[in-house]
Amino acid sequence: MVPQQRRILPGGPRSLRGVFFLLLGLLLATNSIGHPNSLALDPSKSESLAQVQRLEQRLKRNPEDAFVATRLAHHYLHRHRAESGGKWIDQADAILAPWVNRTDAPPILLLELADLQQRVHRFEPALRTLNALLQATPDNAQAVLSRSTILTVLGRYDEATLDNKKLAALAEPHVITVNRCAIDSLSGKAKQSLDDLEVVLARPSFPDNLRPWTLGIAGDIAVRLGLDDRAEEHFLAGLKLAPKDTYLLTALADLLLATDRPEDVLQRIPKDTPQEGLRLRRILATPSDDPKRADLVAAFDARLKSDHARAHPHLREEAMFALDVLDDPERALRQARANWATQREPADLLIYVRALQSQPAGSTTEELPDLHRWFRERQMEWPALERLLSKSLGSISDPIKP
């Protein structure tokens, strides 16, 4: 069972990394290059499957056909988004791999390649792909927003802000506002950003297709500020509009776990969910004396190992799993440290600090001061995490030099 003592919530912004590619085709101005959204086919329909099979045959006959490669990759990435599972990523990766670093790749294919790369946490390659795309088409709004989002995931907030400013002539004002608030909320302007988002959400003219994304970001900010009631209100409002939204379900589950409501987590998350983050939350919400829990734990561990073999690791989830389910601090720290080297969202910082805190006294004297310095330099506002950092540093002499 989830411990009775209150835990610190992860605090996002998972919505940026997980949702923005879903929105781009609807949100950006017409002068950008769009995704081949017509390939978002319904796999339950035989005619859709037949179309995909024809495209696969065409690509076998001509692997250099960039148009077909783009359409197929988009389809597989759409399937992965809807169903999770490594096989769709593997298929998209196989199609797009020959186009990495090629100078003749069309911009629309490069967008799919960047989408793939960010999903498997190859963020630096994704930035290179987007830079190449923007060299060819400087006014591509999708690429600019994508780069701004990845820079935010990496904790490079000044660069992300510069890209967001470039969107002024390329994207809807609402997109720019929401993205700006997401970045600013991590760099000293959390309260103002939350207020700004709530103001735009209250306007009847605010686009409905932006609301789940925006409500998720607002909820994340409220979590970090310790405003649990406001956070829950935003997550529930987002789920009312998008009941199957993975990010919103995960964020709400974390809030429910942190406030000792595991039964609500089990009611909200489907038993057969394929999504790793949601499966982990179901395990965390399952009582330790439940006879089915051991099988859930074993299956989840096997899935993590399979993802490692495919080079698609979910390091943050594995660190949480090792620390909170397996009680394996060594594995938790190993994965949290590797995860931090790849991405630097608030939730990544939290699990890294918690993993360090679980180690023997005196064994992590260098890492904790470095993390505290990183936290302070970015002026991140998260009182609960700041208290945890200060407590962890309490036994270290002169931990931070000015």
Protein backbone atom coordinates (compact mmCIF):
# COMPACT_ATOMS: atom_id res chain seq x y z
CA MET A 1 0.00 0.00 0.00
CA VAL A 2 1.13 3.57 -0.57
CA PRO A 3 2.80 4.89 2.59
CA GLN A 4 0.62 6.99 4.83
CA GLN A 5 3.12 9.83 5.04
CA ARG A 6 2.60 12.43 2.35
CA ARG A 7 4.91 12.22 -0.64
CA ILE A 8 6.09 15.03 -2.87
CA LEU A 9 4.32 15.01 -6.20
CA PRO A 10 6.40 14.78 -9.39
CA GLY A 11 5.42 18.25 -10.61
CA GLY A 12 5.70 17.98 -14.43
CA PRO A 13 5.83 19.45 -17.02
CA ARG A 14 5.22 16.12 -18.71
CA SER A 15 2.49 17.79 -20.77
CA LEU A 16 5.06 19.65 -22.84
CA ARG A 17 7.03 16.62 -23.89
CA GLY A 18 4.13 14.22 -24.17
CA VAL A 19 1.40 16.24 -25.82
CA PHE A 20 2.76 18.94 -28.05
CA PHE A 21 3.16 16.84 -31.19
CA LEU A 22 -0.51 15.94 -30.93
CA LEU A 23 -1.45 19.59 -31.08
CA LEU A 24 0.80 21.01 -33.73
CA GLY A 25 -1.28 20.18 -36.77
CA LEU A 26 -4.27 22.03 -35.28
CA LEU A 27 -2.55 24.92 -33.56
CA LEU A 28 0.00 26.42 -35.86
CA ALA A 29 -0.41 29.00 -38.61
CA THR A 30 -0.90 27.92 -42.17
CA ASN A 31 2.59 29.00 -43.23
CA SER A 32 4.08 26.03 -41.39
CA ILE A 33 4.52 22.62 -42.95
CA GLY A 34 1.86 20.26 -41.65
CA HIS A 35 1.94 16.65 -40.61
CA PRO A 36 0.40 14.02 -42.87
CA ASN A 37 -2.55 13.69 -40.53
CA SER A 38 -4.52 11.73 -43.08
CA LEU A 39 -2.41 8.74 -42.06
CA ALA A 40 -3.90 8.70 -38.57
CA LEU A 41 -5.86 5.65 -39.64
CA ASP A 42 -8.20 3.54 -37.57
CA PRO A 43 -6.46 0.14 -37.25
CA SER A 44 -9.79 -1.57 -36.59
CA LYS A 45 -10.89 -0.85 -40.17
CA SER A 46 -9.76 -3.28 -42.83
CA GLU A 47 -9.44 -0.58 -45.48
CA SER A 48 -7.02 1.34 -43.26
CA LEU A 49 -4.86 -1.72 -42.69
CA ALA A 50 -4.92 -2.45 -46.40
CA GLN A 51 -3.68 1.07 -47.11
CA VAL A 52 -0.82 0.66 -44.66
CA GLN A 53 0.11 -2.68 -46.21
CA ARG A 54 0.22 -1.10 -49.67
CA LEU A 55 2.50 1.63 -48.36
CA GLU A 56 4.77 -0.98 -46.75
CA GLN A 57 5.05 -2.82 -50.05
CA ARG A 58 5.84 0.42 -51.88
CA LEU A 59 8.59 1.21 -49.41
CA LYS A 60 10.10 -2.26 -49.81
CA ARG A 61 10.26 -1.69 -53.54
CA ASN A 62 11.73 1.79 -53.13
CA PRO A 63 13.31 2.48 -49.71
CA GLU A 64 14.29 5.94 -50.96
CA ASP A 65 10.69 7.10 -51.28
CA ALA A 66 10.64 9.90 -48.69
CA PHE A 67 6.92 10.54 -49.07
CA VAL A 68 5.94 6.95 -48.29
CA ALA A 69 8.51 6.75 -45.48
CA THR A 70 7.00 9.85 -43.90
CA ARG A 71 3.44 8.57 -44.13
CA LEU A 72 4.31 5.18 -42.67
CA ALA A 73 6.43 6.64 -39.87
CA HIS A 74 3.60 9.00 -38.97
CA HIS A 75 1.18 6.08 -38.85
CA TYR A 76 3.43 4.01 -36.58
CA LEU A 77 4.07 6.95 -34.27
CA HIS A 78 0.34 7.59 -34.12
CA ARG A 79 -0.21 3.94 -33.16
CA HIS A 80 2.47 4.22 -30.47
CA ARG A 81 0.83 7.35 -29.08
CA ALA A 82 -2.54 5.62 -28.91
CA GLU A 83 -1.46 2.15 -27.78
CA SER A 84 2.06 2.47 -26.35
CA GLY A 85 4.28 -0.57 -26.93
CA GLY A 86 7.79 -0.69 -28.33
CA LYS A 87 6.97 -2.39 -31.62
CA TRP A 88 5.51 0.77 -33.17
CA ILE A 89 8.58 2.78 -32.20
CA ASP A 90 10.80 0.02 -33.60
CA GLN A 91 8.98 0.11 -36.93
CA ALA A 92 9.11 3.90 -37.18
CA ASP A 93 12.78 3.82 -36.21
CA ALA A 94 13.61 1.29 -38.91
CA ILE A 95 11.93 3.45 -41.55
CA LEU A 96 13.51 6.73 -40.47
CA ALA A 97 17.00 5.52 -39.53
CA PRO A 98 18.35 5.72 -43.12
CA TRP A 99 17.40 9.40 -43.24
CA VAL A 100 19.37 10.49 -40.17
CA ASN A 101 21.98 13.10 -41.15
CA ARG A 102 20.94 13.04 -44.81
CA THR A 103 20.96 16.44 -46.47
CA ASP A 104 18.13 15.59 -48.87
CA ALA A 105 15.50 14.64 -46.26
CA PRO A 106 12.34 16.75 -46.76
CA PRO A 107 11.19 18.94 -43.84
CA ILE A 108 8.03 16.91 -43.23
CA LEU A 109 10.12 13.74 -42.79
CA LEU A 110 12.47 15.56 -40.44
CA LEU A 111 9.50 16.48 -38.25
CA GLU A 112 8.62 12.80 -37.91
CA LEU A 113 12.25 11.97 -37.18
CA ALA A 114 12.38 14.62 -34.44
CA ASP A 115 9.12 13.25 -33.01
CA LEU A 116 10.62 9.76 -32.88
CA GLN A 117 13.88 10.95 -31.35
CA GLN A 118 12.23 12.91 -28.55
CA ARG A 119 9.95 9.97 -27.69
CA VAL A 120 12.92 7.68 -27.07
CA HIS A 121 14.74 10.48 -25.21
CA ARG A 122 17.35 11.14 -27.91
CA PHE A 123 17.02 14.84 -27.25
CA GLU A 124 20.36 16.04 -28.59
CA PRO A 125 19.84 14.19 -31.91
CA ALA A 126 16.30 15.64 -32.01
CA LEU A 127 17.75 19.13 -31.66
CA ARG A 128 20.18 18.45 -34.50
CA THR A 129 17.33 17.24 -36.66
CA LEU A 130 15.26 20.34 -35.92
CA ASN A 131 18.24 22.62 -36.52
CA ALA A 132 18.73 21.04 -39.94
CA LEU A 133 15.03 21.47 -40.70
CA LEU A 134 15.08 25.13 -39.64
CA GLN A 135 18.16 25.78 -41.74
CA ALA A 136 16.12 24.73 -44.77
CA THR A 137 12.81 26.27 -43.66
CA PRO A 138 13.45 28.99 -41.03
CA ASP A 139 9.74 29.84 -40.68
CA ASN A 140 8.61 26.32 -39.85
CA ALA A 141 6.54 26.95 -36.73
CA GLN A 142 6.26 23.28 -35.83
CA ALA A 143 10.03 22.95 -35.72
CA VAL A 144 10.44 26.11 -33.64
CA LEU A 145 7.86 25.00 -31.07
CA SER A 146 9.32 21.50 -31.02
CA ARG A 147 12.80 22.86 -30.35
CA SER A 148 11.49 25.17 -27.63
CA THR A 149 9.80 22.21 -25.97
CA ILE A 150 12.89 20.00 -26.05
CA LEU A 151 15.06 22.82 -24.68
CA THR A 152 12.57 23.13 -21.82
CA VAL A 153 12.84 19.40 -21.12
CA LEU A 154 16.62 19.83 -20.96
CA GLY A 155 16.35 22.72 -18.50
CA ARG A 156 17.69 25.26 -21.02
CA TYR A 157 15.00 27.81 -20.30
CA ASP A 158 16.66 30.91 -21.78
CA GLU A 159 17.07 29.20 -25.14
CA ALA A 160 13.53 27.84 -24.98
CA THR A 161 12.23 31.36 -24.36
CA LEU A 162 14.11 32.71 -27.37
CA ASP A 163 12.47 30.10 -29.59
CA ASN A 164 9.06 30.89 -28.13
CA LYS A 165 9.55 34.54 -29.05
CA LYS A 166 10.31 33.49 -32.63
CA LEU A 167 6.82 32.01 -32.79
CA ALA A 168 5.20 35.45 -32.58
CA ALA A 169 4.69 35.66 -36.34
CA LEU A 170 4.21 31.95 -36.90
CA ALA A 171 1.70 30.54 -34.41
CA GLU A 172 -1.56 31.38 -32.69
CA PRO A 173 -1.11 33.80 -29.77
CA HIS A 174 -2.67 31.26 -27.39
CA VAL A 175 0.03 28.69 -28.23
CA ILE A 176 2.73 31.25 -27.52
CA THR A 177 1.12 32.24 -24.22
CA VAL A 178 0.77 28.68 -22.95
CA ASN A 179 4.30 27.74 -23.99
CA ARG A 180 5.66 30.92 -22.39
CA CYS A 181 3.90 30.17 -19.12
CA ALA A 182 5.20 26.60 -19.12
CA ILE A 183 8.78 27.87 -19.44
CA ASP A 184 8.41 30.83 -17.07
CA SER A 185 6.83 28.64 -14.40
CA LEU A 186 10.14 26.79 -14.11
CA SER A 187 12.34 29.86 -13.92
CA GLY A 188 11.07 32.18 -11.24
CA LYS A 189 7.56 33.07 -12.37
CA ALA A 190 5.42 30.14 -11.27
CA LYS A 191 2.66 32.06 -9.50
CA GLN A 192 2.33 34.62 -12.30
CA SER A 193 2.31 31.87 -14.92
CA LEU A 194 -0.47 29.98 -13.12
CA ASP A 195 -2.51 33.17 -12.83
CA ASP A 196 -2.00 33.93 -16.53
CA LEU A 197 -3.11 30.45 -17.56
CA GLU A 198 -6.22 30.61 -15.39
CA VAL A 199 -7.11 33.97 -16.93
CA VAL A 200 -6.92 32.67 -20.51
CA LEU A 201 -8.73 29.45 -19.59
CA ALA A 202 -11.62 31.53 -18.23
CA ARG A 203 -12.15 33.18 -21.61
CA PRO A 204 -14.92 31.59 -23.73
CA SER A 205 -12.82 32.34 -26.82
CA PHE A 206 -9.94 30.15 -25.65
CA PRO A 207 -9.71 27.23 -28.16
CA ASP A 208 -11.20 23.97 -26.92
CA ASN A 209 -8.44 21.92 -28.54
CA LEU A 210 -5.89 23.76 -26.37
CA ARG A 211 -7.69 23.29 -23.08
CA PRO A 212 -6.47 19.80 -22.01
CA TRP A 213 -2.85 20.77 -22.73
CA THR A 214 -3.20 24.08 -20.89
CA LEU A 215 -5.08 22.57 -17.94
CA GLY A 216 -2.32 20.00 -17.54
CA ILE A 217 0.36 22.68 -17.39
CA ALA A 218 -1.71 24.75 -14.95
CA GLY A 219 -2.17 21.66 -12.77
CA ASP A 220 1.56 20.95 -12.79
CA ILE A 221 2.36 24.49 -11.69
CA ALA A 222 -0.24 24.32 -8.93
CA VAL A 223 1.32 21.04 -7.71
CA ARG A 224 4.75 22.61 -7.40
CA LEU A 225 3.29 25.59 -5.55
CA GLY A 226 1.54 23.25 -3.09
CA LEU A 227 -1.95 24.20 -4.29
CA ASP A 228 -3.36 20.68 -4.43
CA ASP A 229 -7.03 21.65 -4.68
CA ARG A 230 -6.40 23.90 -7.66
CA ALA A 231 -4.22 21.24 -9.25
CA GLU A 232 -6.92 18.60 -8.90
CA GLU A 233 -9.51 20.97 -10.31
CA HIS A 234 -7.40 21.55 -13.41
CA PHE A 235 -6.58 17.88 -13.96
CA LEU A 236 -10.23 16.86 -13.62
CA ALA A 237 -11.33 19.61 -16.01
CA GLY A 238 -8.78 18.40 -18.54
CA LEU A 239 -9.92 14.79 -18.21
CA LYS A 240 -13.52 15.82 -18.70
CA LEU A 241 -12.48 17.10 -22.14
CA ALA A 242 -9.98 14.31 -22.87
CA PRO A 243 -10.87 11.26 -20.73
CA LYS A 244 -8.07 9.07 -22.11
CA ASP A 245 -5.29 11.65 -21.96
CA THR A 246 -2.30 9.75 -20.58
CA TYR A 247 -0.51 12.76 -19.18
CA LEU A 248 -3.55 14.03 -17.30
CA LEU A 249 -4.32 10.57 -15.91
CA THR A 250 -0.74 10.21 -14.69
CA ALA A 251 -0.71 13.66 -13.11
CA LEU A 252 -4.02 13.06 -11.35
CA ALA A 253 -2.87 9.63 -10.16
CA ASP A 254 0.23 11.19 -8.61
CA LEU A 255 -1.92 13.71 -6.80
CA LEU A 256 -4.27 10.99 -5.54
CA LEU A 257 -1.35 8.88 -4.34
CA ALA A 258 0.25 11.82 -2.57
CA THR A 259 -3.01 12.53 -0.74
CA ASP A 260 -3.62 8.90 0.29
CA ARG A 261 -6.37 8.02 -2.18
CA PRO A 262 -5.03 4.86 -3.85
CA GLU A 263 -8.52 3.42 -4.38
CA ASP A 264 -9.35 6.35 -6.64
CA VAL A 265 -6.23 5.61 -8.68
CA LEU A 266 -7.34 2.03 -9.24
CA GLN A 267 -10.77 3.23 -10.33
CA ARG A 268 -9.38 5.76 -12.78
CA ILE A 269 -6.61 3.77 -14.50
CA PRO A 270 -7.73 0.79 -16.62
CA LYS A 271 -6.38 -2.57 -15.50
CA ASP A 272 -5.13 -3.36 -19.00
CA THR A 273 -3.40 -0.04 -19.71
CA PRO A 274 -0.25 -0.60 -21.82
CA GLN A 275 1.29 2.74 -20.81
CA GLU A 276 4.28 2.31 -18.51
CA GLY A 277 3.64 5.35 -16.33
CA LEU A 278 0.02 4.39 -15.70
CA ARG A 279 0.93 0.77 -14.99
CA LEU A 280 3.42 1.96 -12.39
CA ARG A 281 0.76 4.10 -10.70
CA ARG A 282 -1.58 1.10 -10.53
CA ILE A 283 1.16 -0.89 -8.83
CA LEU A 284 1.82 1.92 -6.36
CA ALA A 285 -1.90 2.04 -5.57
CA THR A 286 -2.27 -1.73 -5.16
CA PRO A 287 -2.12 -2.95 -1.51
CA SER A 288 1.03 -4.87 -0.68
CA ASP A 289 -1.05 -7.83 0.53
CA ASP A 290 -3.00 -8.10 -2.72
CA PRO A 291 -2.16 -11.54 -4.20
CA LYS A 292 -2.08 -10.05 -7.72
CA ARG A 293 0.52 -7.44 -6.88
CA ALA A 294 3.53 -9.74 -7.25
CA ASP A 295 2.51 -10.64 -10.80
CA LEU A 296 2.02 -6.96 -11.67
CA VAL A 297 5.47 -6.15 -10.30
CA ALA A 298 7.14 -8.99 -12.20
CA ALA A 299 5.43 -8.07 -15.46
CA PHE A 300 6.40 -4.42 -15.09
CA ASP A 301 10.02 -5.30 -14.37
CA ALA A 302 10.10 -7.55 -17.44
CA ARG A 303 8.70 -4.71 -19.56
CA LEU A 304 11.41 -2.35 -18.33
CA LYS A 305 14.12 -4.86 -19.20
CA SER A 306 12.59 -5.34 -22.64
CA ASP A 307 12.63 -1.59 -23.21
CA HIS A 308 16.30 -1.51 -22.24
CA ALA A 309 17.05 -4.21 -24.80
CA ARG A 310 15.30 -2.11 -27.43
CA ALA A 311 17.20 1.02 -26.33
CA HIS A 312 13.89 2.62 -25.32
CA PRO A 313 14.42 2.85 -21.56
CA HIS A 314 11.95 4.58 -19.25
CA LEU A 315 14.58 5.59 -16.75
CA ARG A 316 12.46 7.91 -14.59
CA GLU A 317 9.77 5.26 -14.18
CA GLU A 318 12.39 2.59 -13.48
CA ALA A 319 13.99 4.73 -10.78
CA MET A 320 10.59 5.30 -9.16
CA PHE A 321 9.80 1.59 -9.46
CA ALA A 322 13.11 0.57 -7.90
CA LEU A 323 12.78 3.02 -5.01
CA ASP A 324 9.07 2.84 -4.19
CA VAL A 325 8.19 -0.74 -5.17
CA LEU A 326 11.34 -2.88 -5.05
CA ASP A 327 13.06 -0.98 -2.22
CA ASP A 328 16.29 -1.12 -4.25
CA PRO A 329 18.07 2.22 -3.64
CA GLU A 330 21.15 1.24 -5.63
CA ARG A 331 19.15 0.52 -8.80
CA ALA A 332 17.04 3.62 -8.21
CA LEU A 333 20.10 5.87 -8.02
CA ARG A 334 21.70 4.27 -11.06
CA GLN A 335 18.65 4.91 -13.22
CA ALA A 336 17.88 8.34 -11.75
CA ARG A 337 21.44 9.45 -12.41
CA ALA A 338 21.34 8.17 -15.99
CA ASN A 339 17.95 9.79 -16.49
CA TRP A 340 19.22 13.17 -15.24
CA ALA A 341 22.03 13.01 -17.78
CA THR A 342 19.38 12.76 -20.52
CA GLN A 343 16.54 15.04 -19.43
CA ARG A 344 15.95 17.59 -16.68
CA GLU A 345 12.28 18.06 -15.98
CA PRO A 346 11.17 18.76 -12.39
CA ALA A 347 10.05 15.15 -11.93
CA ASP A 348 13.53 14.00 -12.96
CA LEU A 349 15.09 16.25 -10.34
CA LEU A 350 12.74 14.93 -7.66
CA ILE A 351 13.46 11.25 -8.22
CA TYR A 352 17.20 11.95 -8.40
CA VAL A 353 17.12 13.77 -5.04
CA ARG A 354 15.00 11.04 -3.46
CA ALA A 355 17.32 8.33 -4.77
CA LEU A 356 20.35 10.18 -3.41
CA GLN A 357 18.60 10.63 -0.08
CA SER A 358 18.09 6.86 0.16
CA GLN A 359 21.82 6.12 0.00
CA PRO A 360 24.17 5.53 2.96
CA ALA A 361 25.22 8.69 4.77
CA GLY A 362 28.18 10.48 3.21
CA SER A 363 28.07 8.63 -0.11
CA THR A 364 26.50 11.43 -2.19
CA THR A 365 28.21 14.54 -0.85
CA GLU A 366 29.01 15.95 -4.30
CA GLU A 367 25.79 15.31 -6.21
CA LEU A 368 23.31 16.90 -3.81
CA PRO A 369 25.06 20.30 -3.72
CA ASP A 370 25.25 20.26 -7.51
CA LEU A 371 21.52 19.61 -7.76
CA HIS A 372 20.72 22.31 -5.23
CA ARG A 373 22.86 24.76 -7.21
CA TRP A 374 21.06 23.81 -10.44
CA PHE A 375 17.71 24.31 -8.69
CA ARG A 376 18.68 27.73 -7.34
CA GLU A 377 20.29 28.99 -10.53
CA ARG A 378 17.06 28.42 -12.42
CA GLN A 379 15.03 30.06 -9.64
CA MET A 380 12.67 27.11 -9.63
CA GLU A 381 9.76 27.56 -7.23
CA TRP A 382 8.92 24.28 -5.56
CA PRO A 383 8.89 24.73 -1.77
CA ALA A 384 8.48 21.02 -0.96
CA LEU A 385 11.49 20.02 -3.07
CA GLU A 386 13.52 22.93 -1.73
CA ARG A 387 12.85 21.70 1.80
CA LEU A 388 13.86 18.17 0.80
CA LEU A 389 17.09 19.45 -0.72
CA SER A 390 17.89 21.54 2.34
CA LYS A 391 17.19 18.60 4.64
CA SER A 392 19.40 16.32 2.54
CA LEU A 393 22.20 18.88 2.62
CA GLY A 394 21.91 19.43 6.36
CA SER A 395 24.57 16.88 7.22
CA ILE A 396 27.03 18.12 4.60
CA SER A 397 29.52 20.76 5.68
CA ASP A 398 29.55 23.92 3.54
CA PRO A 399 27.52 22.27 0.76
CA ILE A 400 27.15 25.21 -1.61
CA LYS A 401 29.72 27.84 -2.42
CA PRO A 402 28.46 31.20 -3.70
